[in-house]
Amino acid sequence: MGSRIRKMLTIALIPLALCACTSELDKVRGQFIDNCMSSGAPKSNCKCAIDKLQDHYGEQGLVAINRQGYPPSDFAEQLFVAAGQCRNP
């Protein structure tokens, strides 16, 4: 019976553990998408833009930018380019 309870607890706790393990990158991406959408852009455009920024800066680069609290000097230009590439025709 003890092993059955442990098995049930393990199964019950797996989803909780998965939810608690949101990566820092996921948080950065989520914040970007939320802020982007709050400015009126469609979610698909916001996701596209953050994907392009991630292609340029890399995963660790985006996390570092968020941690520093200020963007690098070329960020506005990269964002402008990404937004232009992601606009729906």
PDB file of N, CA and C in Angstrom:
ATOM      1  N   MET A   1       0.820  -1.195   0.000  1.00  0.00           N
ATOM      2  CA  MET A   1       0.000   0.000   0.000  1.00  0.00           C
ATOM      3  C   MET A   1       0.862   1.256   0.000  1.00  0.00           C
ATOM      4  N   GLY A   2       1.993   1.249   0.704  1.00  0.00           N
ATOM      5  CA  GLY A   2       2.862   2.413   0.761  1.00  0.00           C
ATOM      6  C   GLY A   2       3.387   2.792  -0.610  1.00  0.00           C
ATOM      7  N   SER A   3       3.758   1.809  -1.422  1.00  0.00           N
ATOM      8  CA  SER A   3       4.281   2.125  -2.756  1.00  0.00           C
ATOM      9  C   SER A   3       3.174   2.656  -3.660  1.00  0.00           C
ATOM     10  N   ARG A   4       1.962   2.211  -3.440  1.00  0.00           N
ATOM     11  CA  ARG A   4       0.828   2.704  -4.231  1.00  0.00           C
ATOM     12  C   ARG A   4       0.567   4.174  -3.918  1.00  0.00           C
ATOM     13  N   ILE A   5       0.638   4.545  -2.664  1.00  0.00           N
ATOM     14  CA  ILE A   5       0.435   5.943  -2.266  1.00  0.00           C
ATOM     15  C   ILE A   5       1.553   6.806  -2.835  1.00  0.00           C
ATOM     16  N   ARG A   6       2.784   6.319  -2.749  1.00  0.00           N
ATOM     17  CA  ARG A   6       3.908   7.079  -3.313  1.00  0.00           C
ATOM     18  C   ARG A   6       3.737   7.286  -4.812  1.00  0.00           C
ATOM     19  N   LYS A   7       3.288   6.242  -5.487  1.00  0.00           N
ATOM     20  CA  LYS A   7       3.076   6.342  -6.927  1.00  0.00           C
ATOM     21  C   LYS A   7       1.996   7.380  -7.241  1.00  0.00           C
ATOM     22  N   MET A   8       0.912   7.358  -6.475  1.00  0.00           N
ATOM     23  CA  MET A   8      -0.172   8.319  -6.683  1.00  0.00           C
ATOM     24  C   MET A   8       0.300   9.743  -6.398  1.00  0.00           C
ATOM     25  N   LEU A   9       1.086   9.924  -5.346  1.00  0.00           N
ATOM     26  CA  LEU A   9       1.613  11.252  -5.026  1.00  0.00           C
ATOM     27  C   LEU A   9       2.543  11.749  -6.121  1.00  0.00           C
ATOM     28  N   THR A  10       3.369  10.843  -6.620  1.00  0.00           N
ATOM     29  CA  THR A  10       4.287  11.221  -7.693  1.00  0.00           C
ATOM     30  C   THR A  10       3.509  11.681  -8.914  1.00  0.00           C
ATOM     31  N   ILE A  11       2.501  10.924  -9.295  1.00  0.00           N
ATOM     32  CA  ILE A  11       1.679  11.284 -10.452  1.00  0.00           C
ATOM     33  C   ILE A  11       0.966  12.615 -10.213  1.00  0.00           C
ATOM     34  N   ALA A  12       0.487  12.833  -9.010  1.00  0.00           N
ATOM     35  CA  ALA A  12      -0.224  14.073  -8.691  1.00  0.00           C
ATOM     36  C   ALA A  12       0.705  15.281  -8.668  1.00  0.00           C
ATOM     37  N   LEU A  13       1.957  15.083  -8.280  1.00  0.00           N
ATOM     38  CA  LEU A  13       2.884  16.208  -8.140  1.00  0.00           C
ATOM     39  C   LEU A  13       3.611  16.575  -9.431  1.00  0.00           C
ATOM     40  N   ILE A  14       3.622  15.691 -10.415  1.00  0.00           N
ATOM     41  CA  ILE A  14       4.335  15.987 -11.659  1.00  0.00           C
ATOM     42  C   ILE A  14       3.808  17.256 -12.327  1.00  0.00           C
ATOM     43  N   PRO A  15       2.498  17.424 -12.519  1.00  0.00           N
ATOM     44  CA  PRO A  15       2.036  18.671 -13.152  1.00  0.00           C
ATOM     45  C   PRO A  15       2.408  19.917 -12.349  1.00  0.00           C
ATOM     46  N   LEU A  16       2.366  19.820 -11.043  1.00  0.00           N
ATOM     47  CA  LEU A  16       2.742  20.951 -10.199  1.00  0.00           C
ATOM     48  C   LEU A  16       4.208  21.295 -10.399  1.00  0.00           C
ATOM     49  N   ALA A  17       5.051  20.292 -10.447  1.00  0.00           N
ATOM     50  CA  ALA A  17       6.479  20.527 -10.650  1.00  0.00           C
ATOM     51  C   ALA A  17       6.737  21.129 -12.025  1.00  0.00           C
ATOM     52  N   LEU A  18       6.026  20.668 -13.030  1.00  0.00           N
ATOM     53  CA  LEU A  18       6.216  21.211 -14.372  1.00  0.00           C
ATOM     54  C   LEU A  18       5.796  22.672 -14.444  1.00  0.00           C
ATOM     55  N   CYS A  19       4.731  23.030 -13.776  1.00  0.00           N
ATOM     56  CA  CYS A  19       4.272  24.420 -13.772  1.00  0.00           C
ATOM     57  C   CYS A  19       5.259  25.323 -13.049  1.00  0.00           C
ATOM     58  N   ALA A  20       5.908  24.820 -12.038  1.00  0.00           N
ATOM     59  CA  ALA A  20       6.831  25.626 -11.243  1.00  0.00           C
ATOM     60  C   ALA A  20       8.174  25.809 -11.932  1.00  0.00           C
ATOM     61  N   CYS A  21       8.403  25.097 -13.014  1.00  0.00           N
ATOM     62  CA  CYS A  21       9.711  25.127 -13.659  1.00  0.00           C
ATOM     63  C   CYS A  21       9.739  26.002 -14.903  1.00  0.00           C
ATOM     64  N   THR A  22       8.935  27.026 -14.938  1.00  0.00           N
ATOM     65  CA  THR A  22       8.967  27.935 -16.071  1.00  0.00           C
ATOM     66  C   THR A  22      10.338  28.582 -16.118  1.00  0.00           C
ATOM     67  N   SER A  23      10.960  28.496 -17.262  1.00  0.00           N
ATOM     68  CA  SER A  23      12.312  29.027 -17.385  1.00  0.00           C
ATOM     69  C   SER A  23      12.291  30.547 -17.397  1.00  0.00           C
ATOM     70  N   GLU A  24      13.443  31.110 -17.116  1.00  0.00           N
ATOM     71  CA  GLU A  24      13.568  32.565 -17.141  1.00  0.00           C
ATOM     72  C   GLU A  24      13.308  33.089 -18.552  1.00  0.00           C
ATOM     73  N   LEU A  25      13.733  32.334 -19.559  1.00  0.00           N
ATOM     74  CA  LEU A  25      13.477  32.733 -20.939  1.00  0.00           C
ATOM     75  C   LEU A  25      11.978  32.771 -21.217  1.00  0.00           C
ATOM     76  N   ASP A  26      11.246  31.768 -20.731  1.00  0.00           N
ATOM     77  CA  ASP A  26       9.796  31.753 -20.925  1.00  0.00           C
ATOM     78  C   ASP A  26       9.151  32.983 -20.296  1.00  0.00           C
ATOM     79  N   LYS A  27       9.650  33.383 -19.135  1.00  0.00           N
ATOM     80  CA  LYS A  27       9.114  34.574 -18.474  1.00  0.00           C
ATOM     81  C   LYS A  27       9.402  35.828 -19.287  1.00  0.00           C
ATOM     82  N   VAL A  28      10.621  35.942 -19.806  1.00  0.00           N
ATOM     83  CA  VAL A  28      10.997  37.103 -20.625  1.00  0.00           C
ATOM     84  C   VAL A  28      10.118  37.158 -21.871  1.00  0.00           C
ATOM     85  N   ARG A  29       9.963  36.020 -22.526  1.00  0.00           N
ATOM     86  CA  ARG A  29       9.133  35.968 -23.732  1.00  0.00           C
ATOM     87  C   ARG A  29       7.691  36.330 -23.408  1.00  0.00           C
ATOM     88  N   GLY A  30       7.171  35.800 -22.315  1.00  0.00           N
ATOM     89  CA  GLY A  30       5.797  36.097 -21.919  1.00  0.00           C
ATOM     90  C   GLY A  30       5.589  37.574 -21.628  1.00  0.00           C
ATOM     91  N   GLN A  31       6.539  38.181 -20.927  1.00  0.00           N
ATOM     92  CA  GLN A  31       6.446  39.611 -20.627  1.00  0.00           C
ATOM     93  C   GLN A  31       6.488  40.435 -21.910  1.00  0.00           C
ATOM     94  N   PHE A  32       7.374  40.071 -22.817  1.00  0.00           N
ATOM     95  CA  PHE A  32       7.473  40.798 -24.085  1.00  0.00           C
ATOM     96  C   PHE A  32       6.150  40.708 -24.840  1.00  0.00           C
ATOM     97  N   ILE A  33       5.618  39.504 -24.963  1.00  0.00           N
ATOM     98  CA  ILE A  33       4.370  39.306 -25.711  1.00  0.00           C
ATOM     99  C   ILE A  33       3.232  40.073 -25.053  1.00  0.00           C
ATOM    100  N   ASP A  34       3.131  40.022 -23.730  1.00  0.00           N
ATOM    101  CA  ASP A  34       2.079  40.769 -23.025  1.00  0.00           C
ATOM    102  C   ASP A  34       2.200  42.266 -23.274  1.00  0.00           C
ATOM    103  N   ASN A  35       3.413  42.804 -23.154  1.00  0.00           N
ATOM    104  CA  ASN A  35       3.626  44.237 -23.371  1.00  0.00           C
ATOM    105  C   ASN A  35       3.346  44.624 -24.818  1.00  0.00           C
ATOM    106  N   CYS A  36       3.781  43.787 -25.727  1.00  0.00           N
ATOM    107  CA  CYS A  36       3.562  44.031 -27.147  1.00  0.00           C
ATOM    108  C   CYS A  36       2.064  44.062 -27.460  1.00  0.00           C
ATOM    109  N   MET A  37       1.327  43.085 -26.948  1.00  0.00           N
ATOM    110  CA  MET A  37      -0.112  43.027 -27.190  1.00  0.00           C
ATOM    111  C   MET A  37      -0.841  44.200 -26.540  1.00  0.00           C
ATOM    112  N   SER A  38      -0.349  44.653 -25.390  1.00  0.00           N
ATOM    113  CA  SER A  38      -1.009  45.782 -24.721  1.00  0.00           C
ATOM    114  C   SER A  38      -0.843  47.074 -25.525  1.00  0.00           C
ATOM    115  N   SER A  39       0.122  47.089 -26.448  1.00  0.00           N
ATOM    116  CA  SER A  39       0.281  48.258 -27.314  1.00  0.00           C
ATOM    117  C   SER A  39      -0.572  48.135 -28.575  1.00  0.00           C
ATOM    118  N   GLY A  40      -1.341  47.051 -28.675  1.00  0.00           N
ATOM    119  CA  GLY A  40      -2.288  46.902 -29.775  1.00  0.00           C
ATOM    120  C   GLY A  40      -1.886  45.946 -30.878  1.00  0.00           C
ATOM    121  N   ALA A  41      -0.721  45.352 -30.790  1.00  0.00           N
ATOM    122  CA  ALA A  41      -0.275  44.420 -31.832  1.00  0.00           C
ATOM    123  C   ALA A  41      -0.921  43.051 -31.628  1.00  0.00           C
ATOM    124  N   PRO A  42      -1.201  42.340 -32.722  1.00  0.00           N
ATOM    125  CA  PRO A  42      -1.741  40.983 -32.601  1.00  0.00           C
ATOM    126  C   PRO A  42      -0.710  40.039 -31.971  1.00  0.00           C
ATOM    127  N   LYS A  43      -1.208  39.037 -31.273  1.00  0.00           N
ATOM    128  CA  LYS A  43      -0.329  38.087 -30.593  1.00  0.00           C
ATOM    129  C   LYS A  43       0.631  37.415 -31.571  1.00  0.00           C
ATOM    130  N   SER A  44       0.154  37.082 -32.753  1.00  0.00           N
ATOM    131  CA  SER A  44       1.021  36.405 -33.728  1.00  0.00           C
ATOM    132  C   SER A  44       2.202  37.291 -34.117  1.00  0.00           C
ATOM    133  N   ASN A  45       1.973  38.589 -34.265  1.00  0.00           N
ATOM    134  CA  ASN A  45       3.067  39.509 -34.588  1.00  0.00           C
ATOM    135  C   ASN A  45       4.046  39.619 -33.427  1.00  0.00           C
ATOM    136  N   CYS A  46       3.517  39.639 -32.210  1.00  0.00           N
ATOM    137  CA  CYS A  46       4.371  39.745 -31.024  1.00  0.00           C
ATOM    138  C   CYS A  46       5.246  38.506 -30.870  1.00  0.00           C
ATOM    139  N   LYS A  47       4.656  37.331 -31.095  1.00  0.00           N
ATOM    140  CA  LYS A  47       5.430  36.090 -31.015  1.00  0.00           C
ATOM    141  C   LYS A  47       6.511  36.066 -32.091  1.00  0.00           C
ATOM    142  N   CYS A  48       6.147  36.506 -33.279  1.00  0.00           N
ATOM    143  CA  CYS A  48       7.112  36.553 -34.374  1.00  0.00           C
ATOM    144  C   CYS A  48       8.270  37.482 -34.019  1.00  0.00           C
ATOM    145  N   ALA A  49       7.955  38.646 -33.474  1.00  0.00           N
ATOM    146  CA  ALA A  49       8.997  39.627 -33.138  1.00  0.00           C
ATOM    147  C   ALA A  49       9.949  39.088 -32.077  1.00  0.00           C
ATOM    148  N   ILE A  50       9.417  38.460 -31.034  1.00  0.00           N
ATOM    149  CA  ILE A  50      10.306  37.949 -29.985  1.00  0.00           C
ATOM    150  C   ILE A  50      11.136  36.785 -30.528  1.00  0.00           C
ATOM    151  N   ASP A  51      10.572  36.005 -31.451  1.00  0.00           N
ATOM    152  CA  ASP A  51      11.357  34.938 -32.085  1.00  0.00           C
ATOM    153  C   ASP A  51      12.543  35.525 -32.851  1.00  0.00           C
ATOM    154  N   LYS A  52      12.294  36.601 -33.578  1.00  0.00           N
ATOM    155  CA  LYS A  52      13.370  37.235 -34.355  1.00  0.00           C
ATOM    156  C   LYS A  52      14.408  37.872 -33.437  1.00  0.00           C
ATOM    157  N   LEU A  53      13.958  38.483 -32.344  1.00  0.00           N
ATOM    158  CA  LEU A  53      14.908  39.040 -31.376  1.00  0.00           C
ATOM    159  C   LEU A  53      15.734  37.928 -30.739  1.00  0.00           C
ATOM    160  N   GLN A  54      15.092  36.801 -30.465  1.00  0.00           N
ATOM    161  CA  GLN A  54      15.814  35.663 -29.894  1.00  0.00           C
ATOM    162  C   GLN A  54      16.817  35.106 -30.902  1.00  0.00           C
ATOM    163  N   ASP A  55      16.449  35.086 -32.181  1.00  0.00           N
ATOM    164  CA  ASP A  55      17.404  34.652 -33.209  1.00  0.00           C
ATOM    165  C   ASP A  55      18.632  35.560 -33.210  1.00  0.00           C
ATOM    166  N   HIS A  56      18.412  36.852 -33.024  1.00  0.00           N
ATOM    167  CA  HIS A  56      19.515  37.817 -33.063  1.00  0.00           C
ATOM    168  C   HIS A  56      20.366  37.773 -31.788  1.00  0.00           C
ATOM    169  N   TYR A  57      19.711  37.828 -30.626  1.00  0.00           N
ATOM    170  CA  TYR A  57      20.436  37.936 -29.352  1.00  0.00           C
ATOM    171  C   TYR A  57      20.712  36.590 -28.687  1.00  0.00           C
ATOM    172  N   GLY A  58      19.977  35.548 -29.080  1.00  0.00           N
ATOM    173  CA  GLY A  58      20.109  34.251 -28.429  1.00  0.00           C
ATOM    174  C   GLY A  58      19.296  34.198 -27.140  1.00  0.00           C
ATOM    175  N   GLU A  59      19.085  32.994 -26.657  1.00  0.00           N
ATOM    176  CA  GLU A  59      18.302  32.807 -25.429  1.00  0.00           C
ATOM    177  C   GLU A  59      18.946  33.528 -24.256  1.00  0.00           C
ATOM    178  N   GLN A  60      20.233  33.287 -24.069  1.00  0.00           N
ATOM    179  CA  GLN A  60      20.929  33.896 -22.933  1.00  0.00           C
ATOM    180  C   GLN A  60      21.016  35.409 -23.081  1.00  0.00           C
ATOM    181  N   GLY A  61      21.094  35.877 -24.316  1.00  0.00           N
ATOM    182  CA  GLY A  61      21.134  37.315 -24.554  1.00  0.00           C
ATOM    183  C   GLY A  61      19.857  38.000 -24.111  1.00  0.00           C
ATOM    184  N   LEU A  62      18.707  37.406 -24.439  1.00  0.00           N
ATOM    185  CA  LEU A  62      17.433  37.991 -24.011  1.00  0.00           C
ATOM    186  C   LEU A  62      17.312  37.993 -22.492  1.00  0.00           C
ATOM    187  N   VAL A  63      17.729  36.904 -21.877  1.00  0.00           N
ATOM    188  CA  VAL A  63      17.680  36.825 -20.411  1.00  0.00           C
ATOM    189  C   VAL A  63      18.598  37.884 -19.806  1.00  0.00           C
ATOM    190  N   ALA A  64      19.781  38.045 -20.373  1.00  0.00           N
ATOM    191  CA  ALA A  64      20.733  39.041 -19.862  1.00  0.00           C
ATOM    192  C   ALA A  64      20.187  40.456 -20.017  1.00  0.00           C
ATOM    193  N   ILE A  65      19.562  40.743 -21.148  1.00  0.00           N
ATOM    194  CA  ILE A  65      18.963  42.065 -21.361  1.00  0.00           C
ATOM    195  C   ILE A  65      17.914  42.326 -20.294  1.00  0.00           C
ATOM    196  N   ASN A  66      17.096  41.338 -20.018  1.00  0.00           N
ATOM    197  CA  ASN A  66      16.057  41.493 -18.999  1.00  0.00           C
ATOM    198  C   ASN A  66      16.665  41.710 -17.617  1.00  0.00           C
ATOM    199  N   ARG A  67      17.695  40.958 -17.301  1.00  0.00           N
ATOM    200  CA  ARG A  67      18.343  41.097 -15.985  1.00  0.00           C
ATOM    201  C   ARG A  67      18.990  42.467 -15.818  1.00  0.00           C
ATOM    202  N   GLN A  68      19.615  42.966 -16.879  1.00  0.00           N
ATOM    203  CA  GLN A  68      20.295  44.258 -16.811  1.00  0.00           C
ATOM    204  C   GLN A  68      19.305  45.403 -16.648  1.00  0.00           C
ATOM    205  N   GLY A  69      18.117  45.218 -17.191  1.00  0.00           N
ATOM    206  CA  GLY A  69      17.094  46.246 -17.061  1.00  0.00           C
ATOM    207  C   GLY A  69      17.162  47.332 -18.120  1.00  0.00           C
ATOM    208  N   TYR A  70      18.115  47.241 -19.019  1.00  0.00           N
ATOM    209  CA  TYR A  70      18.177  48.198 -20.125  1.00  0.00           C
ATOM    210  C   TYR A  70      18.694  47.470 -21.361  1.00  0.00           C
ATOM    211  N   PRO A  71      18.173  47.851 -22.522  1.00  0.00           N
ATOM    212  CA  PRO A  71      18.550  47.148 -23.746  1.00  0.00           C
ATOM    213  C   PRO A  71      19.882  47.626 -24.303  1.00  0.00           C
ATOM    214  N   PRO A  72      20.508  46.795 -25.144  1.00  0.00           N
ATOM    215  CA  PRO A  72      21.738  47.227 -25.810  1.00  0.00           C
ATOM    216  C   PRO A  72      21.428  48.339 -26.818  1.00  0.00           C
ATOM    217  N   SER A  73      22.455  48.997 -27.290  1.00  0.00           N
ATOM    218  CA  SER A  73      22.272  50.166 -28.152  1.00  0.00           C
ATOM    219  C   SER A  73      21.556  49.849 -29.467  1.00  0.00           C
ATOM    220  N   ASP A  74      21.650  48.618 -29.950  1.00  0.00           N
ATOM    221  CA  ASP A  74      20.998  48.287 -31.224  1.00  0.00           C
ATOM    222  C   ASP A  74      19.609  47.681 -31.056  1.00  0.00           C
ATOM    223  N   PHE A  75      19.089  47.645 -29.838  1.00  0.00           N
ATOM    224  CA  PHE A  75      17.820  46.963 -29.581  1.00  0.00           C
ATOM    225  C   PHE A  75      16.658  47.609 -30.332  1.00  0.00           C
ATOM    226  N   ALA A  76      16.565  48.930 -30.299  1.00  0.00           N
ATOM    227  CA  ALA A  76      15.456  49.617 -30.973  1.00  0.00           C
ATOM    228  C   ALA A  76      15.473  49.310 -32.471  1.00  0.00           C
ATOM    229  N   GLU A  77      16.660  49.312 -33.062  1.00  0.00           N
ATOM    230  CA  GLU A  77      16.776  49.001 -34.485  1.00  0.00           C
ATOM    231  C   GLU A  77      16.358  47.558 -34.761  1.00  0.00           C
ATOM    232  N   GLN A  78      16.823  46.622 -33.917  1.00  0.00           N
ATOM    233  CA  GLN A  78      16.464  45.211 -34.093  1.00  0.00           C
ATOM    234  C   GLN A  78      14.959  45.001 -33.926  1.00  0.00           C
ATOM    235  N   LEU A  79      14.366  45.699 -32.976  1.00  0.00           N
ATOM    236  CA  LEU A  79      12.922  45.595 -32.752  1.00  0.00           C
ATOM    237  C   LEU A  79      12.163  46.150 -33.953  1.00  0.00           C
ATOM    238  N   PHE A  80      12.611  47.270 -34.492  1.00  0.00           N
ATOM    239  CA  PHE A  80      11.984  47.873 -35.664  1.00  0.00           C
ATOM    240  C   PHE A  80      12.041  46.918 -36.855  1.00  0.00           C
ATOM    241  N   VAL A  81      13.194  46.312 -37.082  1.00  0.00           N
ATOM    242  CA  VAL A  81      13.364  45.357 -38.182  1.00  0.00           C
ATOM    243  C   VAL A  81      12.455  44.145 -37.968  1.00  0.00           C
ATOM    244  N   ALA A  82      12.455  43.608 -36.749  1.00  0.00           N
ATOM    245  CA  ALA A  82      11.625  42.435 -36.441  1.00  0.00           C
ATOM    246  C   ALA A  82      10.151  42.754 -36.647  1.00  0.00           C
ATOM    247  N   ALA A  83       9.716  43.904 -36.159  1.00  0.00           N
ATOM    248  CA  ALA A  83       8.307  44.287 -36.299  1.00  0.00           C
ATOM    249  C   ALA A  83       7.931  44.411 -37.773  1.00  0.00           C
ATOM    250  N   GLY A  84       8.820  44.980 -38.564  1.00  0.00           N
ATOM    251  CA  GLY A  84       8.556  45.109 -39.997  1.00  0.00           C
ATOM    252  C   GLY A  84       8.447  43.759 -40.688  1.00  0.00           C
ATOM    253  N   GLN A  85       9.274  42.821 -40.295  1.00  0.00           N
ATOM    254  CA  GLN A  85       9.248  41.488 -40.896  1.00  0.00           C
ATOM    255  C   GLN A  85       8.035  40.683 -40.448  1.00  0.00           C
ATOM    256  N   CYS A  86       7.463  41.043 -39.321  1.00  0.00           N
ATOM    257  CA  CYS A  86       6.374  40.250 -38.748  1.00  0.00           C
ATOM    258  C   CYS A  86       4.987  40.815 -39.044  1.00  0.00           C
ATOM    259  N   ARG A  87       4.911  41.969 -39.660  1.00  0.00           N
ATOM    260  CA  ARG A  87       3.599  42.542 -39.979  1.00  0.00           C
ATOM    261  C   ARG A  87       2.864  41.646 -40.951  1.00  0.00           C
ATOM    262  N   ASN A  88       1.564  41.533 -40.719  1.00  0.00           N
ATOM    263  CA  ASN A  88       0.730  40.773 -41.652  1.00  0.00           C
ATOM    264  C   ASN A  88       0.542  41.600 -42.921  1.00  0.00           C
ATOM    265  N   PRO A  89       0.675  40.972 -44.088  1.00  0.00           N
ATOM    266  CA  PRO A  89       0.516  41.722 -45.351  1.00  0.00           C
ATOM    267  C   PRO A  89      -0.899  42.202 -45.563  1.00  0.00           C
TER     268      PRO A  89
END
